[in-house]
C-alpha atoms as a PDB file:
ATOM      1  CA  MET A   1      33.021   5.157 -46.122  1.00  0.00           C
ATOM      2  CA  LYS A   2      31.555   1.674 -45.983  1.00  0.00           C
ATOM      3  CA  LYS A   3      28.611   2.732 -48.139  1.00  0.00           C
ATOM      4  CA  LEU A   4      31.030   4.272 -50.761  1.00  0.00           C
ATOM      5  CA  GLY A   5      33.000   1.039 -50.881  1.00  0.00           C
ATOM      6  CA  GLU A   6      29.858  -1.019 -51.196  1.00  0.00           C
ATOM      7  CA  PHE A   7      28.567   1.227 -54.001  1.00  0.00           C
ATOM      8  CA  LEU A   8      31.903   1.008 -55.876  1.00  0.00           C
ATOM      9  CA  LEU A   9      31.922  -2.713 -55.480  1.00  0.00           C
ATOM     10  CA  ASN A  10      28.311  -2.951 -56.779  1.00  0.00           C
ATOM     11  CA  LEU A  11      29.224  -0.560 -59.611  1.00  0.00           C
ATOM     12  CA  VAL A  12      31.986  -2.893 -60.803  1.00  0.00           C
ATOM     13  CA  GLU A  13      30.426  -6.222 -59.990  1.00  0.00           C
ATOM     14  CA  VAL A  14      26.744  -5.509 -60.775  1.00  0.00           C
ATOM     15  CA  TYR A  15      25.988  -2.316 -62.683  1.00  0.00           C
ATOM     16  CA  ILE A  16      28.746  -2.321 -65.294  1.00  0.00           C
ATOM     17  CA  PRO A  17      28.058  -6.005 -66.131  1.00  0.00           C
ATOM     18  CA  VAL A  18      24.279  -5.364 -66.363  1.00  0.00           C
ATOM     19  CA  PHE A  19      24.730  -2.408 -68.684  1.00  0.00           C
ATOM     20  CA  ALA A  20      27.319  -4.253 -70.778  1.00  0.00           C
ATOM     21  CA  PHE A  21      24.889  -7.226 -71.143  1.00  0.00           C
ATOM     22  CA  ALA A  22      21.973  -4.997 -71.985  1.00  0.00           C
ATOM     23  CA  PHE A  23      24.119  -3.148 -74.596  1.00  0.00           C
ATOM     24  CA  MET A  24      25.318  -6.474 -75.928  1.00  0.00           C
ATOM     25  CA  PHE A  25      21.765  -7.633 -76.269  1.00  0.00           C
ATOM     26  CA  ILE A  26      20.660  -4.503 -78.074  1.00  0.00           C
ATOM     27  CA  ILE A  27      23.605  -4.797 -80.488  1.00  0.00           C
ATOM     28  CA  PHE A  28      22.795  -8.449 -81.061  1.00  0.00           C
ATOM     29  CA  ILE A  29      19.147  -7.593 -81.943  1.00  0.00           C
ATOM     30  CA  LEU A  30      20.326  -4.766 -84.173  1.00  0.00           C
ATOM     31  CA  GLN A  31      22.653  -7.226 -85.998  1.00  0.00           C
ATOM     32  CA  ILE A  32      19.719  -9.627 -86.550  1.00  0.00           C
ATOM     33  CA  ILE A  33      17.555  -6.858 -87.877  1.00  0.00           C
ATOM     34  CA  PHE A  34      20.164  -5.615 -90.355  1.00  0.00           C
ATOM     35  CA  ARG A  35      21.093  -9.103 -91.439  1.00  0.00           C
ATOM     36  CA  TYR A  36      17.757 -10.768 -91.884  1.00  0.00           C
ATOM     37  CA  VAL A  37      15.281  -7.935 -92.223  1.00  0.00           C
ATOM     38  CA  LEU A  38      17.106  -5.324 -94.151  1.00  0.00           C
ATOM     39  CA  ASN A  39      19.508  -7.830 -95.825  1.00  0.00           C
ATOM     40  CA  MET A  40      22.505  -5.553 -95.052  1.00  0.00           C
ATOM     41  CA  PRO A  41      24.857  -7.363 -92.622  1.00  0.00           C
ATOM     42  CA  LEU A  42      26.921  -5.203 -90.435  1.00  0.00           C
ATOM     43  CA  ILE A  43      30.492  -6.053 -89.523  1.00  0.00           C
ATOM     44  CA  TRP A  44      31.059  -4.398 -86.159  1.00  0.00           C
ATOM     45  CA  PRO A  45      28.260  -5.919 -84.089  1.00  0.00           C
ATOM     46  CA  PHE A  46      29.948  -9.311 -83.812  1.00  0.00           C
ATOM     47  CA  GLU A  47      33.077  -7.740 -82.494  1.00  0.00           C
ATOM     48  CA  ALA A  48      31.173  -5.497 -80.127  1.00  0.00           C
ATOM     49  CA  THR A  49      29.183  -8.320 -78.647  1.00  0.00           C
ATOM     50  CA  MET A  50      32.327 -10.432 -78.083  1.00  0.00           C
ATOM     51  CA  ILE A  51      33.982  -7.518 -76.261  1.00  0.00           C
ATOM     52  CA  LEU A  52      30.895  -6.819 -74.107  1.00  0.00           C
ATOM     53  CA  PHE A  53      30.611 -10.517 -73.344  1.00  0.00           C
ATOM     54  CA  ILE A  54      34.179 -10.520 -71.972  1.00  0.00           C
ATOM     55  CA  TRP A  55      33.342  -7.451 -69.833  1.00  0.00           C
ATOM     56  CA  THR A  56      30.100  -9.063 -68.638  1.00  0.00           C
ATOM     57  CA  ALA A  57      31.603 -12.417 -67.758  1.00  0.00           C
ATOM     58  CA  MET A  58      34.799 -11.076 -66.055  1.00  0.00           C
ATOM     59  CA  LEU A  59      33.153  -8.401 -63.971  1.00  0.00           C
ATOM     60  CA  GLY A  60      30.067 -10.479 -63.186  1.00  0.00           C
ATOM     61  CA  GLY A  61      32.311 -13.279 -62.018  1.00  0.00           C
ATOM     62  CA  GLY A  62      33.459 -11.130 -59.115  1.00  0.00           C
ATOM     63  CA  TYR A  63      29.881 -10.739 -57.969  1.00  0.00           C
ATOM     64  CA  THR A  64      29.294 -14.522 -58.259  1.00  0.00           C
ATOM     65  CA  ARG A  65      32.337 -15.057 -55.984  1.00  0.00           C
ATOM     66  CA  ARG A  66      31.115 -12.444 -53.542  1.00  0.00           C
ATOM     67  CA  ILE A  67      27.744 -14.254 -53.111  1.00  0.00           C
ATOM     68  CA  HIS A  68      29.375 -17.741 -53.142  1.00  0.00           C
ATOM     69  CA  LYS A  69      27.377 -18.976 -56.201  1.00  0.00           C
ATOM     70  CA  HIS A  70      30.127 -20.462 -58.351  1.00  0.00           C
ATOM     71  CA  VAL A  71      29.612 -24.095 -59.240  1.00  0.00           C
ATOM     72  CA  SER A  72      31.103 -26.363 -56.567  1.00  0.00           C
ATOM     73  CA  PHE A  73      31.070 -30.088 -55.777  1.00  0.00           C
ATOM     74  CA  THR A  74      30.520 -30.312 -52.066  1.00  0.00           C
ATOM     75  CA  VAL A  75      29.411 -34.088 -51.665  1.00  0.00           C
ATOM     76  CA  ILE A  76      32.371 -34.673 -49.206  1.00  0.00           C
ATOM     77  CA  TYR A  77      32.623 -31.134 -47.870  1.00  0.00           C
ATOM     78  CA  ASP A  78      28.967 -31.073 -46.703  1.00  0.00           C
ATOM     79  CA  LYS A  79      29.521 -34.244 -44.657  1.00  0.00           C
ATOM     80  CA  LEU A  80      32.373 -32.688 -42.618  1.00  0.00           C
ATOM     81  CA  SER A  81      31.918 -30.829 -39.381  1.00  0.00           C
ATOM     82  CA  LEU A  82      31.567 -27.094 -39.460  1.00  0.00           C
ATOM     83  CA  LYS A  83      35.014 -26.574 -37.909  1.00  0.00           C
ATOM     84  CA  ILE A  84      36.737 -28.640 -40.528  1.00  0.00           C
ATOM     85  CA  GLN A  85      34.724 -26.976 -43.287  1.00  0.00           C
ATOM     86  CA  MET A  86      36.013 -23.569 -41.906  1.00  0.00           C
ATOM     87  CA  PHE A  87      39.580 -24.818 -42.051  1.00  0.00           C
ATOM     88  CA  ILE A  88      39.201 -26.044 -45.587  1.00  0.00           C
ATOM     89  CA  ARG A  89      37.750 -22.735 -46.592  1.00  0.00           C
ATOM     90  CA  ILE A  90      40.618 -20.932 -45.001  1.00  0.00           C
ATOM     91  CA  ILE A  91      43.219 -23.077 -46.739  1.00  0.00           C
ATOM     92  CA  GLY A  92      41.345 -22.966 -50.080  1.00  0.00           C
ATOM     93  CA  ASN A  93      40.856 -19.138 -50.059  1.00  0.00           C
ATOM     94  CA  THR A  94      44.392 -18.578 -48.909  1.00  0.00           C
ATOM     95  CA  PHE A  95      45.722 -20.795 -51.731  1.00  0.00           C
ATOM     96  CA  ILE A  96      43.566 -19.018 -54.371  1.00  0.00           C
ATOM     97  CA  SER A  97      44.678 -15.558 -53.037  1.00  0.00           C
ATOM     98  CA  ILE A  98      48.344 -16.565 -53.224  1.00  0.00           C
ATOM     99  CA  ILE A  99      48.026 -17.946 -56.733  1.00  0.00           C
ATOM    100  CA  PHE A 100      46.203 -14.882 -58.009  1.00  0.00           C
ATOM    101  CA  LEU A 101      48.676 -12.515 -56.206  1.00  0.00           C
ATOM    102  CA  ILE A 102      51.488 -14.311 -57.956  1.00  0.00           C
ATOM    103  CA  SER A 103      49.688 -13.933 -61.318  1.00  0.00           C
ATOM    104  CA  ILE A 104      48.930 -10.245 -61.070  1.00  0.00           C
ATOM    105  CA  ILE A 105      52.274  -8.940 -62.401  1.00  0.00           C
ATOM    106  CA  PRO A 106      52.426 -11.391 -65.480  1.00  0.00           C
ATOM    107  CA  VAL A 107      48.713 -10.613 -66.293  1.00  0.00           C
ATOM    108  CA  TYR A 108      49.317  -6.875 -66.073  1.00  0.00           C
ATOM    109  CA  ASN A 109      52.442  -7.218 -68.204  1.00  0.00           C
ATOM    110  CA  TYR A 110      50.552  -9.133 -70.807  1.00  0.00           C
ATOM    111  CA  ILE A 111      47.685  -6.624 -70.822  1.00  0.00           C
ATOM    112  CA  GLN A 112      50.275  -3.819 -71.336  1.00  0.00           C
ATOM    113  CA  TYR A 113      52.010  -5.870 -74.055  1.00  0.00           C
ATOM    114  CA  VAL A 114      48.835  -6.289 -76.182  1.00  0.00           C
ATOM    115  CA  SER A 115      48.077  -2.590 -75.957  1.00  0.00           C
ATOM    116  CA  TYR A 116      49.626  -1.944 -79.377  1.00  0.00           C
ATOM    117  CA  LYS A 117      47.131  -4.398 -80.964  1.00  0.00           C
ATOM    118  CA  LYS A 118      43.659  -3.143 -81.920  1.00  0.00           C
ATOM    119  CA  SER A 119      40.494  -5.009 -82.696  1.00  0.00           C
ATOM    120  CA  THR A 120      39.913  -5.478 -86.384  1.00  0.00           C
ATOM    121  CA  CYS A 121      36.748  -3.468 -86.917  1.00  0.00           C
ATOM    122  CA  LEU A 122      36.244  -1.116 -83.913  1.00  0.00           C
ATOM    123  CA  ARG A 123      39.940  -0.402 -83.507  1.00  0.00           C
ATOM    124  CA  ILE A 124      39.685  -0.808 -79.761  1.00  0.00           C
ATOM    125  CA  PRO A 125      43.096  -1.596 -78.095  1.00  0.00           C
ATOM    126  CA  TYR A 126      43.294  -5.088 -76.712  1.00  0.00           C
ATOM    127  CA  ASN A 127      44.460  -3.802 -73.308  1.00  0.00           C
ATOM    128  CA  ILE A 128      41.008  -2.239 -72.849  1.00  0.00           C
ATOM    129  CA  ILE A 129      39.296  -5.470 -73.998  1.00  0.00           C
ATOM    130  CA  PHE A 130      41.244  -7.597 -71.576  1.00  0.00           C
ATOM    131  CA  PHE A 131      41.482  -5.219 -68.609  1.00  0.00           C
ATOM    132  CA  PRO A 132      38.457  -6.687 -66.862  1.00  0.00           C
ATOM    133  CA  PHE A 133      40.487  -9.910 -66.260  1.00  0.00           C
ATOM    134  CA  LEU A 134      42.829  -7.938 -64.051  1.00  0.00           C
ATOM    135  CA  ILE A 135      39.882  -6.430 -62.178  1.00  0.00           C
ATOM    136  CA  LEU A 136      38.421  -9.876 -61.767  1.00  0.00           C
ATOM    137  CA  MET A 137      41.632 -11.076 -60.288  1.00  0.00           C
ATOM    138  CA  LEU A 138      41.750  -8.256 -57.761  1.00  0.00           C
ATOM    139  CA  LEU A 139      38.086  -8.887 -56.838  1.00  0.00           C
ATOM    140  CA  ILE A 140      38.661 -12.529 -56.326  1.00  0.00           C
ATOM    141  CA  ILE A 141      41.705 -11.814 -54.069  1.00  0.00           C
ATOM    142  CA  GLY A 142      39.770  -9.290 -52.044  1.00  0.00           C
ATOM    143  CA  HIS A 143      36.725 -11.662 -51.575  1.00  0.00           C
ATOM    144  CA  CYS A 144      39.069 -14.548 -50.654  1.00  0.00           C
ATOM    145  CA  ILE A 145      40.904 -12.524 -48.137  1.00  0.00           C
ATOM    146  CA  TYR A 146      37.714 -11.116 -46.695  1.00  0.00           C
ATOM    147  CA  ASP A 147      36.350 -14.656 -46.249  1.00  0.00           C
ATOM    148  CA  VAL A 148      39.606 -15.857 -44.653  1.00  0.00           C
ATOM    149  CA  VAL A 149      39.489 -12.990 -42.147  1.00  0.00           C
ATOM    150  CA  LYS A 150      35.847 -13.753 -41.485  1.00  0.00           C
ATOM    151  CA  ASP A 151      36.563 -17.431 -40.899  1.00  0.00           C
ATOM    152  CA  ILE A 152      39.612 -16.657 -38.601  1.00  0.00           C
ATOM    153  CA  LYS A 153      37.377 -14.389 -36.445  1.00  0.00           C
ATOM    154  CA  LYS A 154      35.046 -17.320 -35.965  1.00  0.00           C
ATOM    155  CA  ILE A 155      37.865 -19.430 -34.517  1.00  0.00           C
END
């Protein structure tokens, strides 16, 4: 069961963003070829790259949180004792989890609200375009709670 969970987490946080980025890059190159080599600019590649960028950034953000590689300013934090650092992590991760939990319903409602709108060229519903943000929120909550539990066990 642990292997399946790890695979699903990697699927959402690593594999889908990698494929979305690769596809985005291919479309970007295709757009350059059509615009500057064939002199026949296409309309849809810009929209597709924007949508794929959203998916790449949102889902990849979960992985960045999992491996603790977000930008952070730790000048003061690094000078504190390990025990105080642990308490600060518990407080910070708890705070982030609570804020994101409070935000889930409004974000979900907004994503449902924009479902009637479609992108201009590809006609993709906006709820599909913005759905990765809800996934990112759930991933951040899960990683924060996991870190809180891990730190509490250390106490």
